[in-house]
Amino acid sequence: MLSQKTRWILLSGLAATGTAFVTRSLLRRGWHAAAGEDPPLNPASSETAWTEALVWTVSASVVAGLSRLTARRAAASLMDGPVPEDRYA
């Protein structure tokens, strides 16, 4: 049988992977709906306007952080016992 820590690593990894694909799609669709164009491929490029780069970076960071939290909370709710302490949360 797998240890509690190993089960947590597997479960949270699966949740994070699924959430990453959904988040990426939602971010692109949201940007396209709001701006009418595709999001910047490389916000660090000198061809990308500063405002566009900043808005994309902040938006992506906030949405990614919320998605990560949601995935981890969902994974934790599926655990049978306590969730192992995460030093890198």
PDB file of N, CA and C in Angstrom:
ATOM      1  N   MET A   1       0.844  -1.184   0.000  1.00  0.00           N
ATOM      2  CA  MET A   1       0.000   0.000   0.000  1.00  0.00           C
ATOM      3  C   MET A   1       0.887   1.245   0.000  1.00  0.00           C
ATOM      4  N   LEU A   2       0.417   2.265  -0.655  1.00  0.00           N
ATOM      5  CA  LEU A   2       1.180   3.513  -0.754  1.00  0.00           C
ATOM      6  C   LEU A   2       1.094   4.311   0.536  1.00  0.00           C
ATOM      7  N   SER A   3       2.170   4.994   0.848  1.00  0.00           N
ATOM      8  CA  SER A   3       2.161   5.845   2.039  1.00  0.00           C
ATOM      9  C   SER A   3       1.258   7.054   1.802  1.00  0.00           C
ATOM     10  N   GLN A   4       0.886   7.696   2.877  1.00  0.00           N
ATOM     11  CA  GLN A   4       0.025   8.891   2.790  1.00  0.00           C
ATOM     12  C   GLN A   4       0.701   9.973   1.962  1.00  0.00           C
ATOM     13  N   LYS A   5       2.012  10.148   2.153  1.00  0.00           N
ATOM     14  CA  LYS A   5       2.746  11.170   1.413  1.00  0.00           C
ATOM     15  C   LYS A   5       2.780  10.844  -0.079  1.00  0.00           C
ATOM     16  N   THR A   6       3.017   9.586  -0.424  1.00  0.00           N
ATOM     17  CA  THR A   6       3.054   9.185  -1.834  1.00  0.00           C
ATOM     18  C   THR A   6       1.688   9.363  -2.481  1.00  0.00           C
ATOM     19  N   ARG A   7       0.634   8.986  -1.772  1.00  0.00           N
ATOM     20  CA  ARG A   7      -0.720   9.181  -2.307  1.00  0.00           C
ATOM     21  C   ARG A   7      -0.997  10.661  -2.533  1.00  0.00           C
ATOM     22  N   TRP A   8      -0.556  11.516  -1.602  1.00  0.00           N
ATOM     23  CA  TRP A   8      -0.761  12.949  -1.741  1.00  0.00           C
ATOM     24  C   TRP A   8      -0.019  13.485  -2.963  1.00  0.00           C
ATOM     25  N   ILE A   9       1.212  13.047  -3.147  1.00  0.00           N
ATOM     26  CA  ILE A   9       2.010  13.504  -4.291  1.00  0.00           C
ATOM     27  C   ILE A   9       1.332  13.117  -5.602  1.00  0.00           C
ATOM     28  N   LEU A  10       0.881  11.868  -5.696  1.00  0.00           N
ATOM     29  CA  LEU A  10       0.215  11.413  -6.921  1.00  0.00           C
ATOM     30  C   LEU A  10      -1.107  12.143  -7.155  1.00  0.00           C
ATOM     31  N   LEU A  11      -1.918  12.233  -6.130  1.00  0.00           N
ATOM     32  CA  LEU A  11      -3.232  12.864  -6.252  1.00  0.00           C
ATOM     33  C   LEU A  11      -3.117  14.356  -6.566  1.00  0.00           C
ATOM     34  N   SER A  12      -2.253  15.043  -5.849  1.00  0.00           N
ATOM     35  CA  SER A  12      -2.102  16.484  -6.102  1.00  0.00           C
ATOM     36  C   SER A  12      -1.454  16.737  -7.461  1.00  0.00           C
ATOM     37  N   GLY A  13      -0.565  15.846  -7.897  1.00  0.00           N
ATOM     38  CA  GLY A  13       0.045  15.983  -9.222  1.00  0.00           C
ATOM     39  C   GLY A  13      -0.974  15.829 -10.338  1.00  0.00           C
ATOM     40  N   LEU A  14      -1.842  14.839 -10.197  1.00  0.00           N
ATOM     41  CA  LEU A  14      -2.905  14.652 -11.190  1.00  0.00           C
ATOM     42  C   LEU A  14      -3.861  15.842 -11.213  1.00  0.00           C
ATOM     43  N   ALA A  15      -4.218  16.315 -10.045  1.00  0.00           N
ATOM     44  CA  ALA A  15      -5.122  17.474  -9.966  1.00  0.00           C
ATOM     45  C   ALA A  15      -4.468  18.703 -10.591  1.00  0.00           C
ATOM     46  N   ALA A  16      -3.191  18.908 -10.321  1.00  0.00           N
ATOM     47  CA  ALA A  16      -2.483  20.070 -10.868  1.00  0.00           C
ATOM     48  C   ALA A  16      -2.373  19.994 -12.385  1.00  0.00           C
ATOM     49  N   THR A  17      -2.111  18.802 -12.907  1.00  0.00           N
ATOM     50  CA  THR A  17      -1.992  18.638 -14.357  1.00  0.00           C
ATOM     51  C   THR A  17      -3.311  18.943 -15.052  1.00  0.00           C
ATOM     52  N   GLY A  18      -4.385  18.378 -14.546  1.00  0.00           N
ATOM     53  CA  GLY A  18      -5.700  18.647 -15.141  1.00  0.00           C
ATOM     54  C   GLY A  18      -6.079  20.108 -15.050  1.00  0.00           C
ATOM     55  N   THR A  19      -5.817  20.702 -13.905  1.00  0.00           N
ATOM     56  CA  THR A  19      -6.143  22.103 -13.705  1.00  0.00           C
ATOM     57  C   THR A  19      -5.311  23.003 -14.620  1.00  0.00           C
ATOM     58  N   ALA A  20      -4.067  22.643 -14.859  1.00  0.00           N
ATOM     59  CA  ALA A  20      -3.200  23.448 -15.726  1.00  0.00           C
ATOM     60  C   ALA A  20      -3.762  23.532 -17.148  1.00  0.00           C
ATOM     61  N   PHE A  21      -4.229  22.411 -17.682  1.00  0.00           N
ATOM     62  CA  PHE A  21      -4.798  22.426 -19.024  1.00  0.00           C
ATOM     63  C   PHE A  21      -6.064  23.281 -19.098  1.00  0.00           C
ATOM     64  N   VAL A  22      -6.923  23.143 -18.104  1.00  0.00           N
ATOM     65  CA  VAL A  22      -8.168  23.922 -18.076  1.00  0.00           C
ATOM     66  C   VAL A  22      -7.851  25.407 -17.905  1.00  0.00           C
ATOM     67  N   THR A  23      -6.946  25.732 -17.001  1.00  0.00           N
ATOM     68  CA  THR A  23      -6.589  27.126 -16.732  1.00  0.00           C
ATOM     69  C   THR A  23      -6.007  27.786 -17.968  1.00  0.00           C
ATOM     70  N   ARG A  24      -5.129  27.093 -18.643  1.00  0.00           N
ATOM     71  CA  ARG A  24      -4.503  27.644 -19.856  1.00  0.00           C
ATOM     72  C   ARG A  24      -5.546  27.976 -20.914  1.00  0.00           C
ATOM     73  N   SER A  25      -6.491  27.060 -21.100  1.00  0.00           N
ATOM     74  CA  SER A  25      -7.549  27.285 -22.076  1.00  0.00           C
ATOM     75  C   SER A  25      -8.440  28.464 -21.674  1.00  0.00           C
ATOM     76  N   LEU A  26      -8.816  28.522 -20.395  1.00  0.00           N
ATOM     77  CA  LEU A  26      -9.664  29.623 -19.926  1.00  0.00           C
ATOM     78  C   LEU A  26      -8.950  30.967 -20.022  1.00  0.00           C
ATOM     79  N   LEU A  27      -7.674  31.004 -19.716  1.00  0.00           N
ATOM     80  CA  LEU A  27      -6.921  32.250 -19.830  1.00  0.00           C
ATOM     81  C   LEU A  27      -6.899  32.755 -21.269  1.00  0.00           C
ATOM     82  N   ARG A  28      -6.627  31.859 -22.190  1.00  0.00           N
ATOM     83  CA  ARG A  28      -6.582  32.265 -23.612  1.00  0.00           C
ATOM     84  C   ARG A  28      -7.945  32.735 -24.106  1.00  0.00           C
ATOM     85  N   ARG A  29      -8.986  31.989 -23.735  1.00  0.00           N
ATOM     86  CA  ARG A  29     -10.337  32.395 -24.156  1.00  0.00           C
ATOM     87  C   ARG A  29     -10.738  33.732 -23.533  1.00  0.00           C
ATOM     88  N   GLY A  30     -10.422  33.899 -22.261  1.00  0.00           N
ATOM     89  CA  GLY A  30     -10.742  35.153 -21.583  1.00  0.00           C
ATOM     90  C   GLY A  30     -10.023  36.330 -22.195  1.00  0.00           C
ATOM     91  N   TRP A  31      -8.748  36.155 -22.491  1.00  0.00           N
ATOM     92  CA  TRP A  31      -7.971  37.230 -23.113  1.00  0.00           C
ATOM     93  C   TRP A  31      -8.546  37.562 -24.485  1.00  0.00           C
ATOM     94  N   HIS A  32      -8.858  36.520 -25.256  1.00  0.00           N
ATOM     95  CA  HIS A  32      -9.394  36.737 -26.595  1.00  0.00           C
ATOM     96  C   HIS A  32     -10.745  37.451 -26.534  1.00  0.00           C
ATOM     97  N   ALA A  33     -11.578  37.094 -25.573  1.00  0.00           N
ATOM     98  CA  ALA A  33     -12.884  37.739 -25.431  1.00  0.00           C
ATOM     99  C   ALA A  33     -12.733  39.201 -25.021  1.00  0.00           C
ATOM    100  N   ALA A  34     -11.776  39.489 -24.146  1.00  0.00           N
ATOM    101  CA  ALA A  34     -11.600  40.859 -23.651  1.00  0.00           C
ATOM    102  C   ALA A  34     -10.839  41.742 -24.630  1.00  0.00           C
ATOM    103  N   ALA A  35      -9.806  41.194 -25.251  1.00  0.00           N
ATOM    104  CA  ALA A  35      -8.935  42.013 -26.100  1.00  0.00           C
ATOM    105  C   ALA A  35      -9.232  41.856 -27.590  1.00  0.00           C
ATOM    106  N   GLY A  36      -9.937  40.795 -27.951  1.00  0.00           N
ATOM    107  CA  GLY A  36     -10.235  40.578 -29.364  1.00  0.00           C
ATOM    108  C   GLY A  36      -9.059  40.044 -30.151  1.00  0.00           C
ATOM    109  N   GLU A  37      -8.039  39.602 -29.466  1.00  0.00           N
ATOM    110  CA  GLU A  37      -6.856  39.032 -30.131  1.00  0.00           C
ATOM    111  C   GLU A  37      -6.254  37.963 -29.230  1.00  0.00           C
ATOM    112  N   ASP A  38      -5.294  37.234 -29.774  1.00  0.00           N
ATOM    113  CA  ASP A  38      -4.635  36.196 -28.983  1.00  0.00           C
ATOM    114  C   ASP A  38      -3.729  36.839 -27.934  1.00  0.00           C
ATOM    115  N   PRO A  39      -3.516  36.152 -26.812  1.00  0.00           N
ATOM    116  CA  PRO A  39      -2.621  36.691 -25.782  1.00  0.00           C
ATOM    117  C   PRO A  39      -1.183  36.726 -26.293  1.00  0.00           C
ATOM    118  N   PRO A  40      -0.342  37.540 -25.675  1.00  0.00           N
ATOM    119  CA  PRO A  40       1.049  37.608 -26.126  1.00  0.00           C
ATOM    120  C   PRO A  40       1.762  36.278 -25.906  1.00  0.00           C
ATOM    121  N   LEU A  41       2.481  35.824 -26.927  1.00  0.00           N
ATOM    122  CA  LEU A  41       3.236  34.575 -26.801  1.00  0.00           C
ATOM    123  C   LEU A  41       4.436  34.748 -25.885  1.00  0.00           C
ATOM    124  N   ASN A  42       5.048  35.914 -25.944  1.00  0.00           N
ATOM    125  CA  ASN A  42       6.223  36.190 -25.124  1.00  0.00           C
ATOM    126  C   ASN A  42       6.107  37.604 -24.561  1.00  0.00           C
ATOM    127  N   PRO A  43       5.571  37.737 -23.350  1.00  0.00           N
ATOM    128  CA  PRO A  43       5.413  39.071 -22.766  1.00  0.00           C
ATOM    129  C   PRO A  43       6.735  39.823 -22.600  1.00  0.00           C
ATOM    130  N   ALA A  44       7.858  39.116 -22.549  1.00  0.00           N
ATOM    131  CA  ALA A  44       9.165  39.764 -22.388  1.00  0.00           C
ATOM    132  C   ALA A  44       9.703  40.333 -23.694  1.00  0.00           C
ATOM    133  N   SER A  45       9.065  40.004 -24.814  1.00  0.00           N
ATOM    134  CA  SER A  45       9.529  40.481 -26.114  1.00  0.00           C
ATOM    135  C   SER A  45       9.379  41.992 -26.222  1.00  0.00           C
ATOM    136  N   SER A  46      10.333  42.619 -26.875  1.00  0.00           N
ATOM    137  CA  SER A  46      10.251  44.066 -27.075  1.00  0.00           C
ATOM    138  C   SER A  46       9.125  44.437 -28.046  1.00  0.00           C
ATOM    139  N   GLU A  47       8.595  43.461 -28.757  1.00  0.00           N
ATOM    140  CA  GLU A  47       7.485  43.712 -29.683  1.00  0.00           C
ATOM    141  C   GLU A  47       6.131  43.749 -28.962  1.00  0.00           C
ATOM    142  N   THR A  48       6.105  43.312 -27.706  1.00  0.00           N
ATOM    143  CA  THR A  48       4.878  43.330 -26.911  1.00  0.00           C
ATOM    144  C   THR A  48       4.836  44.619 -26.101  1.00  0.00           C
ATOM    145  N   ALA A  49       3.713  45.333 -26.174  1.00  0.00           N
ATOM    146  CA  ALA A  49       3.567  46.584 -25.426  1.00  0.00           C
ATOM    147  C   ALA A  49       3.639  46.301 -23.925  1.00  0.00           C
ATOM    148  N   TRP A  50       4.186  47.269 -23.180  1.00  0.00           N
ATOM    149  CA  TRP A  50       4.321  47.109 -21.733  1.00  0.00           C
ATOM    150  C   TRP A  50       2.979  46.849 -21.060  1.00  0.00           C
ATOM    151  N   THR A  51       1.964  47.605 -21.432  1.00  0.00           N
ATOM    152  CA  THR A  51       0.659  47.422 -20.785  1.00  0.00           C
ATOM    153  C   THR A  51       0.106  46.024 -21.047  1.00  0.00           C
ATOM    154  N   GLU A  52       0.235  45.566 -22.270  1.00  0.00           N
ATOM    155  CA  GLU A  52      -0.240  44.234 -22.625  1.00  0.00           C
ATOM    156  C   GLU A  52       0.543  43.163 -21.849  1.00  0.00           C
ATOM    157  N   ALA A  53       1.845  43.321 -21.765  1.00  0.00           N
ATOM    158  CA  ALA A  53       2.688  42.366 -21.038  1.00  0.00           C
ATOM    159  C   ALA A  53       2.338  42.351 -19.545  1.00  0.00           C
ATOM    160  N   LEU A  54       2.145  43.527 -18.958  1.00  0.00           N
ATOM    161  CA  LEU A  54       1.817  43.603 -17.531  1.00  0.00           C
ATOM    162  C   LEU A  54       0.444  43.015 -17.228  1.00  0.00           C
ATOM    163  N   VAL A  55      -0.534  43.354 -18.030  1.00  0.00           N
ATOM    164  CA  VAL A  55      -1.893  42.840 -17.802  1.00  0.00           C
ATOM    165  C   VAL A  55      -1.914  41.320 -17.956  1.00  0.00           C
ATOM    166  N   TRP A  56      -1.243  40.807 -18.970  1.00  0.00           N
ATOM    167  CA  TRP A  56      -1.203  39.363 -19.186  1.00  0.00           C
ATOM    168  C   TRP A  56      -0.497  38.662 -18.023  1.00  0.00           C
ATOM    169  N   THR A  57       0.628  39.205 -17.592  1.00  0.00           N
ATOM    170  CA  THR A  57       1.400  38.581 -16.517  1.00  0.00           C
ATOM    171  C   THR A  57       0.625  38.567 -15.203  1.00  0.00           C
ATOM    172  N   VAL A  58       0.015  39.685 -14.855  1.00  0.00           N
ATOM    173  CA  VAL A  58      -0.767  39.751 -13.616  1.00  0.00           C
ATOM    174  C   VAL A  58      -1.986  38.831 -13.698  1.00  0.00           C
ATOM    175  N   SER A  59      -2.689  38.881 -14.802  1.00  0.00           N
ATOM    176  CA  SER A  59      -3.876  38.033 -14.974  1.00  0.00           C
ATOM    177  C   SER A  59      -3.518  36.558 -14.894  1.00  0.00           C
ATOM    178  N   ALA A  60      -2.494  36.163 -15.622  1.00  0.00           N
ATOM    179  CA  ALA A  60      -2.081  34.760 -15.635  1.00  0.00           C
ATOM    180  C   ALA A  60      -1.616  34.313 -14.251  1.00  0.00           C
ATOM    181  N   SER A  61      -0.915  35.171 -13.554  1.00  0.00           N
ATOM    182  CA  SER A  61      -0.417  34.817 -12.222  1.00  0.00           C
ATOM    183  C   SER A  61      -1.553  34.625 -11.229  1.00  0.00           C
ATOM    184  N   VAL A  62      -2.509  35.537 -11.239  1.00  0.00           N
ATOM    185  CA  VAL A  62      -3.645  35.435 -10.314  1.00  0.00           C
ATOM    186  C   VAL A  62      -4.480  34.190 -10.617  1.00  0.00           C
ATOM    187  N   VAL A  63      -4.801  33.988 -11.872  1.00  0.00           N
ATOM    188  CA  VAL A  63      -5.623  32.837 -12.247  1.00  0.00           C
ATOM    189  C   VAL A  63      -4.880  31.535 -11.964  1.00  0.00           C
ATOM    190  N   ALA A  64      -3.589  31.483 -12.257  1.00  0.00           N
ATOM    191  CA  ALA A  64      -2.808  30.269 -11.989  1.00  0.00           C
ATOM    192  C   ALA A  64      -2.741  29.980 -10.491  1.00  0.00           C
ATOM    193  N   GLY A  65      -2.562  31.001  -9.690  1.00  0.00           N
ATOM    194  CA  GLY A  65      -2.520  30.816  -8.241  1.00  0.00           C
ATOM    195  C   GLY A  65      -3.841  30.311  -7.687  1.00  0.00           C
ATOM    196  N   LEU A  66      -4.928  30.888  -8.152  1.00  0.00           N
ATOM    197  CA  LEU A  66      -6.252  30.436  -7.709  1.00  0.00           C
ATOM    198  C   LEU A  66      -6.540  29.012  -8.175  1.00  0.00           C
ATOM    199  N   SER A  67      -6.117  28.690  -9.375  1.00  0.00           N
ATOM    200  CA  SER A  67      -6.311  27.341  -9.895  1.00  0.00           C
ATOM    201  C   SER A  67      -5.507  26.329  -9.100  1.00  0.00           C
ATOM    202  N   ARG A  68      -4.291  26.690  -8.746  1.00  0.00           N
ATOM    203  CA  ARG A  68      -3.441  25.792  -7.950  1.00  0.00           C
ATOM    204  C   ARG A  68      -4.079  25.537  -6.583  1.00  0.00           C
ATOM    205  N   LEU A  69      -4.552  26.591  -5.964  1.00  0.00           N
ATOM    206  CA  LEU A  69      -5.207  26.446  -4.674  1.00  0.00           C
ATOM    207  C   LEU A  69      -6.437  25.554  -4.782  1.00  0.00           C
ATOM    208  N   THR A  70      -7.244  25.769  -5.799  1.00  0.00           N
ATOM    209  CA  THR A  70      -8.449  24.979  -6.007  1.00  0.00           C
ATOM    210  C   THR A  70      -8.109  23.508  -6.221  1.00  0.00           C
ATOM    211  N   ALA A  71      -7.093  23.236  -7.028  1.00  0.00           N
ATOM    212  CA  ALA A  71      -6.697  21.853  -7.298  1.00  0.00           C
ATOM    213  C   ALA A  71      -6.200  21.174  -6.028  1.00  0.00           C
ATOM    214  N   ARG A  72      -5.400  21.876  -5.244  1.00  0.00           N
ATOM    215  CA  ARG A  72      -4.860  21.297  -4.013  1.00  0.00           C
ATOM    216  C   ARG A  72      -5.970  21.064  -2.987  1.00  0.00           C
ATOM    217  N   ARG A  73      -6.913  21.979  -2.888  1.00  0.00           N
ATOM    218  CA  ARG A  73      -8.026  21.799  -1.950  1.00  0.00           C
ATOM    219  C   ARG A  73      -8.902  20.621  -2.383  1.00  0.00           C
ATOM    220  N   ALA A  74      -9.129  20.493  -3.695  1.00  0.00           N
ATOM    221  CA  ALA A  74      -9.926  19.363  -4.197  1.00  0.00           C
ATOM    222  C   ALA A  74      -9.203  18.050  -3.926  1.00  0.00           C
ATOM    223  N   ALA A  75      -7.899  18.018  -4.155  1.00  0.00           N
ATOM    224  CA  ALA A  75      -7.122  16.803  -3.884  1.00  0.00           C
ATOM    225  C   ALA A  75      -7.157  16.481  -2.393  1.00  0.00           C
ATOM    226  N   ALA A  76      -7.041  17.488  -1.552  1.00  0.00           N
ATOM    227  CA  ALA A  76      -7.062  17.274  -0.106  1.00  0.00           C
ATOM    228  C   ALA A  76      -8.405  16.722   0.356  1.00  0.00           C
ATOM    229  N   SER A  77      -9.471  17.143  -0.298  1.00  0.00           N
ATOM    230  CA  SER A  77     -10.794  16.655   0.100  1.00  0.00           C
ATOM    231  C   SER A  77     -10.977  15.175  -0.254  1.00  0.00           C
ATOM    232  N   LEU A  78     -10.173  14.664  -1.181  1.00  0.00           N
ATOM    233  CA  LEU A  78     -10.265  13.262  -1.574  1.00  0.00           C
ATOM    234  C   LEU A  78      -9.376  12.346  -0.726  1.00  0.00           C
ATOM    235  N   MET A  79      -8.506  12.923   0.072  1.00  0.00           N
ATOM    236  CA  MET A  79      -7.609  12.128   0.910  1.00  0.00           C
ATOM    237  C   MET A  79      -8.393  11.493   2.059  1.00  0.00           C
ATOM    238  N   ASP A  80      -7.989  10.278   2.425  1.00  0.00           N
ATOM    239  CA  ASP A  80      -8.641   9.572   3.529  1.00  0.00           C
ATOM    240  C   ASP A  80      -8.136  10.032   4.886  1.00  0.00           C
ATOM    241  N   GLY A  81      -6.942  10.564   4.923  1.00  0.00           N
ATOM    242  CA  GLY A  81      -6.353  10.990   6.183  1.00  0.00           C
ATOM    243  C   GLY A  81      -5.824  12.401   6.058  1.00  0.00           C
ATOM    244  N   PRO A  82      -4.952  12.774   6.958  1.00  0.00           N
ATOM    245  CA  PRO A  82      -4.403  14.134   6.906  1.00  0.00           C
ATOM    246  C   PRO A  82      -3.491  14.332   5.697  1.00  0.00           C
ATOM    247  N   VAL A  83      -3.479  15.542   5.219  1.00  0.00           N
ATOM    248  CA  VAL A  83      -2.610  15.902   4.100  1.00  0.00           C
ATOM    249  C   VAL A  83      -1.217  16.175   4.659  1.00  0.00           C
ATOM    250  N   PRO A  84      -0.178  15.576   4.055  1.00  0.00           N
ATOM    251  CA  PRO A  84       1.177  15.820   4.551  1.00  0.00           C
ATOM    252  C   PRO A  84       1.547  17.298   4.486  1.00  0.00           C
ATOM    253  N   GLU A  85       2.381  17.685   5.402  1.00  0.00           N
ATOM    254  CA  GLU A  85       2.870  19.074   5.458  1.00  0.00           C
ATOM    255  C   GLU A  85       3.646  19.381   4.188  1.00  0.00           C
ATOM    256  N   ASP A  86       3.376  20.528   3.593  1.00  0.00           N
ATOM    257  CA  ASP A  86       4.046  20.926   2.354  1.00  0.00           C
ATOM    258  C   ASP A  86       4.925  22.122   2.634  1.00  0.00           C
ATOM    259  N   ARG A  87       6.215  21.922   2.618  1.00  0.00           N
ATOM    260  CA  ARG A  87       7.137  23.026   2.914  1.00  0.00           C
ATOM    261  C   ARG A  87       7.264  24.004   1.767  1.00  0.00           C
ATOM    262  N   TYR A  88       6.800  23.636   0.584  1.00  0.00           N
ATOM    263  CA  TYR A  88       6.986  24.487  -0.592  1.00  0.00           C
ATOM    264  C   TYR A  88       5.666  25.036  -1.115  1.00  0.00           C
ATOM    265  N   ALA A  89       4.659  25.107  -0.287  1.00  0.00           N
ATOM    266  CA  ALA A  89       3.354  25.598  -0.704  1.00  0.00           C
ATOM    267  C   ALA A  89       3.478  27.031  -1.044  1.00  0.00           C
TER     268      ALA A  89
END
